[in-house]
Amino acid sequence: MADNQRERLMAGYYYKLINEDNRRATIGLNTMLWHYQKDLSGYSLGQGGYYSPQRYMSLALPVNYRQRTENWSFEVGGSVSLSHSKTDSQRRYPLQGLIPDSLPDKQAIESGSSSTGVGYTLRAIVERRLTSHWTLGAGVDIQQAKDYTPSHALLYLRYSLGGWQGDLDLPPQPLTPYADFK
């Protein structure tokens, strides 16, 4: 795979509409700017098969509400976003030294492109304390954008060795899948 460099800038602002110990509501504005030296999203020799536009910009408006009691904790939220990406024309095979001269399309150029789209996310998670040691939780995360819809749902049962009688966490703290553990 060819070497690639990237720069990313992310910024956001959140305003707390409600900021109480057991209840919070926020609204915000987020932006992301990305730049990759090369678009290596193709699947030919030397490409990486990963999203890497030369220019990418997004603007999102998130809204979030969370609340807890002694035995319940929940969070609901969502966002709407607008994004724009652009890729430059490039060689189909970025590692020219690995391609035999006899290959008819060795010098082929892939056309650049640009796109603009709208996306949204809806999220909800709830936890219920069953006993001082056991907590049951469920959540859903629906994401929708052109060519990208990584939605998830989860159901979990958590055991706490020490037990706990106070308020539940705000926001709920779902289990982290092993594959996502950092």
C-alpha atoms as a PDB file:
ATOM      1  CA  MET A   1       0.000   0.000   0.000  1.00  0.00           C
ATOM      2  CA  ALA A   2       1.245   3.483  -0.811  1.00  0.00           C
ATOM      3  CA  ASP A   3       2.214   5.858   2.012  1.00  0.00           C
ATOM      4  CA  ASN A   4      -0.326   8.532   2.841  1.00  0.00           C
ATOM      5  CA  GLN A   5      -0.423  11.584   5.093  1.00  0.00           C
ATOM      6  CA  ARG A   6      -3.479  13.102   6.705  1.00  0.00           C
ATOM      7  CA  GLU A   7      -4.406  16.209   8.632  1.00  0.00           C
ATOM      8  CA  ARG A   8      -7.611  16.521  10.629  1.00  0.00           C
ATOM      9  CA  LEU A   9      -9.161  19.440  12.467  1.00  0.00           C
ATOM     10  CA  MET A  10     -12.248  18.996  14.608  1.00  0.00           C
ATOM     11  CA  ALA A  11     -14.018  21.640  16.652  1.00  0.00           C
ATOM     12  CA  GLY A  12     -17.314  21.927  18.442  1.00  0.00           C
ATOM     13  CA  TYR A  13     -19.383  23.987  20.821  1.00  0.00           C
ATOM     14  CA  TYR A  14     -22.141  22.804  23.151  1.00  0.00           C
ATOM     15  CA  TYR A  15     -24.670  24.935  24.974  1.00  0.00           C
ATOM     16  CA  LYS A  16     -26.321  23.494  28.090  1.00  0.00           C
ATOM     17  CA  LEU A  17     -30.052  24.177  27.941  1.00  0.00           C
ATOM     18  CA  ILE A  18     -30.570  22.242  31.199  1.00  0.00           C
ATOM     19  CA  ASN A  19     -27.694  21.575  33.600  1.00  0.00           C
ATOM     20  CA  GLU A  20     -29.002  19.893  36.735  1.00  0.00           C
ATOM     21  CA  ASP A  21     -27.473  17.053  38.764  1.00  0.00           C
ATOM     22  CA  ASN A  22     -29.935  14.470  37.423  1.00  0.00           C
ATOM     23  CA  ARG A  23     -31.006  16.039  34.126  1.00  0.00           C
ATOM     24  CA  ARG A  24     -29.099  17.594  31.227  1.00  0.00           C
ATOM     25  CA  ALA A  25     -29.989  18.882  27.772  1.00  0.00           C
ATOM     26  CA  THR A  26     -27.494  20.244  25.244  1.00  0.00           C
ATOM     27  CA  ILE A  27     -27.468  21.605  21.734  1.00  0.00           C
ATOM     28  CA  GLY A  28     -24.317  22.092  19.738  1.00  0.00           C
ATOM     29  CA  LEU A  29     -22.449  22.809  16.550  1.00  0.00           C
ATOM     30  CA  ASN A  30     -19.580  20.589  15.336  1.00  0.00           C
ATOM     31  CA  THR A  31     -17.284  20.777  12.341  1.00  0.00           C
ATOM     32  CA  MET A  32     -14.628  18.498  10.876  1.00  0.00           C
ATOM     33  CA  LEU A  33     -12.032  19.224   8.216  1.00  0.00           C
ATOM     34  CA  TRP A  34      -9.888  16.420   6.755  1.00  0.00           C
ATOM     35  CA  HIS A  35      -7.155  16.334   4.163  1.00  0.00           C
ATOM     36  CA  TYR A  36      -5.417  13.229   2.808  1.00  0.00           C
ATOM     37  CA  GLN A  37      -2.388  13.520   0.552  1.00  0.00           C
ATOM     38  CA  LYS A  38      -3.715  10.682  -1.664  1.00  0.00           C
ATOM     39  CA  ASP A  39      -7.077   9.063  -2.190  1.00  0.00           C
ATOM     40  CA  LEU A  40      -6.343   5.396  -1.462  1.00  0.00           C
ATOM     41  CA  SER A  41      -9.961   4.261  -1.387  1.00  0.00           C
ATOM     42  CA  GLY A  42      -9.601   1.917  -4.372  1.00  0.00           C
ATOM     43  CA  TYR A  43      -8.949  -1.815  -4.306  1.00  0.00           C
ATOM     44  CA  SER A  44      -6.201  -2.168  -6.928  1.00  0.00           C
ATOM     45  CA  LEU A  45      -2.571  -2.971  -6.051  1.00  0.00           C
ATOM     46  CA  GLY A  46      -1.146  -0.134  -3.931  1.00  0.00           C
ATOM     47  CA  GLN A  47      -4.545   1.164  -2.811  1.00  0.00           C
ATOM     48  CA  GLY A  48      -5.702   0.807   0.803  1.00  0.00           C
ATOM     49  CA  GLY A  49      -9.458   0.460   0.414  1.00  0.00           C
ATOM     50  CA  TYR A  50     -10.150   3.157   3.037  1.00  0.00           C
ATOM     51  CA  TYR A  51     -12.015   6.467   2.837  1.00  0.00           C
ATOM     52  CA  SER A  52      -9.355   9.118   2.201  1.00  0.00           C
ATOM     53  CA  PRO A  53     -10.620  12.189   0.321  1.00  0.00           C
ATOM     54  CA  GLN A  54      -8.223  15.024  -0.476  1.00  0.00           C
ATOM     55  CA  ARG A  55     -10.725  17.437   1.042  1.00  0.00           C
ATOM     56  CA  TYR A  56     -13.602  16.747   3.420  1.00  0.00           C
ATOM     57  CA  MET A  57     -15.755  19.160   5.428  1.00  0.00           C
ATOM     58  CA  SER A  58     -18.764  18.490   7.625  1.00  0.00           C
ATOM     59  CA  LEU A  59     -21.039  20.566   9.811  1.00  0.00           C
ATOM     60  CA  ALA A  60     -23.352  18.923  12.381  1.00  0.00           C
ATOM     61  CA  LEU A  61     -26.067  20.112  14.768  1.00  0.00           C
ATOM     62  CA  PRO A  62     -26.374  17.668  17.720  1.00  0.00           C
ATOM     63  CA  VAL A  63     -29.141  17.670  20.346  1.00  0.00           C
ATOM     64  CA  ASN A  64     -28.973  15.529  23.491  1.00  0.00           C
ATOM     65  CA  TYR A  65     -31.118  14.883  26.588  1.00  0.00           C
ATOM     66  CA  ARG A  66     -30.197  12.658  29.550  1.00  0.00           C
ATOM     67  CA  GLN A  67     -31.807  11.958  32.890  1.00  0.00           C
ATOM     68  CA  ARG A  68     -31.344   9.621  35.854  1.00  0.00           C
ATOM     69  CA  THR A  69     -33.058   8.502  39.026  1.00  0.00           C
ATOM     70  CA  GLU A  70     -31.943   6.073  41.692  1.00  0.00           C
ATOM     71  CA  ASN A  71     -32.817   3.039  39.527  1.00  0.00           C
ATOM     72  CA  TRP A  72     -33.090   4.410  35.964  1.00  0.00           C
ATOM     73  CA  SER A  73     -30.769   6.289  33.619  1.00  0.00           C
ATOM     74  CA  PHE A  74     -31.411   7.168  29.985  1.00  0.00           C
ATOM     75  CA  GLU A  75     -30.130   9.291  27.155  1.00  0.00           C
ATOM     76  CA  VAL A  76     -31.708  10.231  23.817  1.00  0.00           C
ATOM     77  CA  GLY A  77     -30.134  12.325  21.131  1.00  0.00           C
ATOM     78  CA  GLY A  78     -29.596  12.936  17.504  1.00  0.00           C
ATOM     79  CA  SER A  79     -27.915  15.129  14.975  1.00  0.00           C
ATOM     80  CA  VAL A  80     -28.259  16.290  11.415  1.00  0.00           C
ATOM     81  CA  SER A  81     -25.190  16.961   9.301  1.00  0.00           C
ATOM     82  CA  LEU A  82     -24.076  18.340   5.964  1.00  0.00           C
ATOM     83  CA  SER A  83     -20.830  17.155   4.391  1.00  0.00           C
ATOM     84  CA  HIS A  84     -18.795  17.783   1.262  1.00  0.00           C
ATOM     85  CA  SER A  85     -15.860  15.754  -0.066  1.00  0.00           C
ATOM     86  CA  LYS A  86     -13.554  16.010  -3.073  1.00  0.00           C
ATOM     87  CA  THR A  87     -10.991  13.641  -4.541  1.00  0.00           C
ATOM     88  CA  ASP A  88      -8.455  14.477  -7.231  1.00  0.00           C
ATOM     89  CA  SER A  89      -7.730  12.442 -10.347  1.00  0.00           C
ATOM     90  CA  GLN A  90      -4.982   9.913  -9.689  1.00  0.00           C
ATOM     91  CA  ARG A  91      -3.186   6.858 -11.020  1.00  0.00           C
ATOM     92  CA  ARG A  92      -5.077   3.598 -10.657  1.00  0.00           C
ATOM     93  CA  TYR A  93      -1.853   1.948  -9.421  1.00  0.00           C
ATOM     94  CA  PRO A  94      -0.015   4.311  -7.039  1.00  0.00           C
ATOM     95  CA  LEU A  95       2.992   1.958  -6.709  1.00  0.00           C
ATOM     96  CA  GLN A  96       4.061   1.979 -10.357  1.00  0.00           C
ATOM     97  CA  GLY A  97       7.282   0.028  -9.667  1.00  0.00           C
ATOM     98  CA  LEU A  98       5.260  -3.054  -8.699  1.00  0.00           C
ATOM     99  CA  ILE A  99       3.199  -3.100 -11.893  1.00  0.00           C
ATOM    100  CA  PRO A 100       4.600  -4.936 -14.952  1.00  0.00           C
ATOM    101  CA  ASP A 101       5.034  -2.766 -18.046  1.00  0.00           C
ATOM    102  CA  SER A 102       2.989  -5.295 -20.016  1.00  0.00           C
ATOM    103  CA  LEU A 103      -0.191  -4.480 -18.069  1.00  0.00           C
ATOM    104  CA  PRO A 104      -2.420  -2.573 -20.531  1.00  0.00           C
ATOM    105  CA  ASP A 105      -3.847  -0.130 -17.963  1.00  0.00           C
ATOM    106  CA  LYS A 106      -0.641   0.502 -15.993  1.00  0.00           C
ATOM    107  CA  GLN A 107      -0.890   4.251 -16.683  1.00  0.00           C
ATOM    108  CA  ALA A 108      -4.685   4.437 -16.205  1.00  0.00           C
ATOM    109  CA  ILE A 109      -6.025   7.497 -14.413  1.00  0.00           C
ATOM    110  CA  GLU A 110      -9.047   7.345 -12.118  1.00  0.00           C
ATOM    111  CA  SER A 111     -11.209  10.455 -12.381  1.00  0.00           C
ATOM    112  CA  GLY A 112     -11.622  12.680  -9.358  1.00  0.00           C
ATOM    113  CA  SER A 113     -15.045  13.437  -7.969  1.00  0.00           C
ATOM    114  CA  SER A 114     -16.901  15.505  -5.434  1.00  0.00           C
ATOM    115  CA  SER A 115     -20.103  14.979  -3.510  1.00  0.00           C
ATOM    116  CA  THR A 116     -22.302  16.758  -1.011  1.00  0.00           C
ATOM    117  CA  GLY A 117     -24.748  15.006   1.265  1.00  0.00           C
ATOM    118  CA  VAL A 118     -26.963  15.157   4.312  1.00  0.00           C
ATOM    119  CA  GLY A 119     -26.905  12.608   7.125  1.00  0.00           C
ATOM    120  CA  TYR A 120     -28.497  12.019  10.477  1.00  0.00           C
ATOM    121  CA  THR A 121     -27.962  10.081  13.684  1.00  0.00           C
ATOM    122  CA  LEU A 122     -30.520   8.979  16.274  1.00  0.00           C
ATOM    123  CA  ARG A 123     -29.412   7.430  19.584  1.00  0.00           C
ATOM    124  CA  ALA A 124     -31.113   6.085  22.678  1.00  0.00           C
ATOM    125  CA  ILE A 125     -29.803   4.136  25.661  1.00  0.00           C
ATOM    126  CA  VAL A 126     -31.485   3.122  28.908  1.00  0.00           C
ATOM    127  CA  GLU A 127     -30.284   1.354  32.062  1.00  0.00           C
ATOM    128  CA  ARG A 128     -32.330  -0.148  34.895  1.00  0.00           C
ATOM    129  CA  ARG A 129     -30.833  -1.237  38.208  1.00  0.00           C
ATOM    130  CA  LEU A 130     -32.211  -4.675  39.089  1.00  0.00           C
ATOM    131  CA  THR A 131     -30.324  -5.100  42.382  1.00  0.00           C
ATOM    132  CA  SER A 132     -27.338  -3.363  43.954  1.00  0.00           C
ATOM    133  CA  HIS A 133     -25.107  -5.678  41.876  1.00  0.00           C
ATOM    134  CA  TRP A 134     -27.040  -6.147  38.610  1.00  0.00           C
ATOM    135  CA  THR A 135     -27.909  -3.549  35.931  1.00  0.00           C
ATOM    136  CA  LEU A 136     -29.769  -4.234  32.677  1.00  0.00           C
ATOM    137  CA  GLY A 137     -29.226  -1.942  29.695  1.00  0.00           C
ATOM    138  CA  ALA A 138     -30.295  -1.538  26.075  1.00  0.00           C
ATOM    139  CA  GLY A 139     -29.406   0.907  23.350  1.00  0.00           C
ATOM    140  CA  VAL A 140     -29.770   1.723  19.686  1.00  0.00           C
ATOM    141  CA  ASP A 141     -27.678   3.926  17.390  1.00  0.00           C
ATOM    142  CA  ILE A 142     -29.076   4.654  13.915  1.00  0.00           C
ATOM    143  CA  GLN A 143     -26.775   6.454  11.493  1.00  0.00           C
ATOM    144  CA  GLN A 144     -27.737   7.305   7.943  1.00  0.00           C
ATOM    145  CA  ALA A 145     -25.672   8.920   5.209  1.00  0.00           C
ATOM    146  CA  LYS A 146     -25.045   8.094   1.566  1.00  0.00           C
ATOM    147  CA  ASP A 147     -23.017   4.848   1.361  1.00  0.00           C
ATOM    148  CA  TYR A 148     -22.495   4.777   5.154  1.00  0.00           C
ATOM    149  CA  THR A 149     -25.049   3.345   7.574  1.00  0.00           C
ATOM    150  CA  PRO A 150     -23.242   1.808  10.594  1.00  0.00           C
ATOM    151  CA  SER A 151     -26.263   1.362  12.865  1.00  0.00           C
ATOM    152  CA  HIS A 152     -26.027  -0.695  16.076  1.00  0.00           C
ATOM    153  CA  ALA A 153     -28.224  -2.142  18.791  1.00  0.00           C
ATOM    154  CA  LEU A 154     -27.171  -3.646  22.104  1.00  0.00           C
ATOM    155  CA  LEU A 155     -28.598  -5.397  25.120  1.00  0.00           C
ATOM    156  CA  TYR A 156     -26.412  -6.013  28.161  1.00  0.00           C
ATOM    157  CA  LEU A 157     -26.434  -7.221  31.740  1.00  0.00           C
ATOM    158  CA  ARG A 158     -23.707  -5.816  34.012  1.00  0.00           C
ATOM    159  CA  TYR A 159     -22.559  -7.200  37.352  1.00  0.00           C
ATOM    160  CA  SER A 160     -20.804  -4.922  39.867  1.00  0.00           C
ATOM    161  CA  LEU A 161     -18.660  -6.728  42.447  1.00  0.00           C
ATOM    162  CA  GLY A 162     -18.935  -3.989  45.070  1.00  0.00           C
ATOM    163  CA  GLY A 163     -22.588  -3.197  44.509  1.00  0.00           C
ATOM    164  CA  TRP A 164     -23.995   0.337  44.439  1.00  0.00           C
ATOM    165  CA  GLN A 165     -27.036   1.981  46.033  1.00  0.00           C
ATOM    166  CA  GLY A 166     -26.637   5.589  44.810  1.00  0.00           C
ATOM    167  CA  ASP A 167     -27.915   7.143  41.588  1.00  0.00           C
ATOM    168  CA  LEU A 168     -26.989   5.428  38.343  1.00  0.00           C
ATOM    169  CA  ASP A 169     -24.382   6.957  36.033  1.00  0.00           C
ATOM    170  CA  LEU A 170     -25.366   9.947  33.902  1.00  0.00           C
ATOM    171  CA  PRO A 171     -25.148   9.224  31.015  1.00  0.00           C
ATOM    172  CA  PRO A 172     -25.545   5.433  31.084  1.00  0.00           C
ATOM    173  CA  GLN A 173     -22.246   3.571  30.634  1.00  0.00           C
ATOM    174  CA  PRO A 174     -22.799   0.627  28.267  1.00  0.00           C
ATOM    175  CA  LEU A 175     -20.332  -2.210  27.977  1.00  0.00           C
ATOM    176  CA  THR A 176     -17.581  -1.721  25.405  1.00  0.00           C
ATOM    177  CA  PRO A 177     -17.223  -4.547  22.862  1.00  0.00           C
ATOM    178  CA  TYR A 178     -13.776  -6.136  22.998  1.00  0.00           C
ATOM    179  CA  ALA A 179     -13.132  -5.138  19.359  1.00  0.00           C
ATOM    180  CA  ASP A 180     -13.649  -1.444  20.303  1.00  0.00           C
ATOM    181  CA  PHE A 181     -11.639  -1.542  23.545  1.00  0.00           C
ATOM    182  CA  LYS A 182      -8.804   1.013  23.616  1.00  0.00           C
END
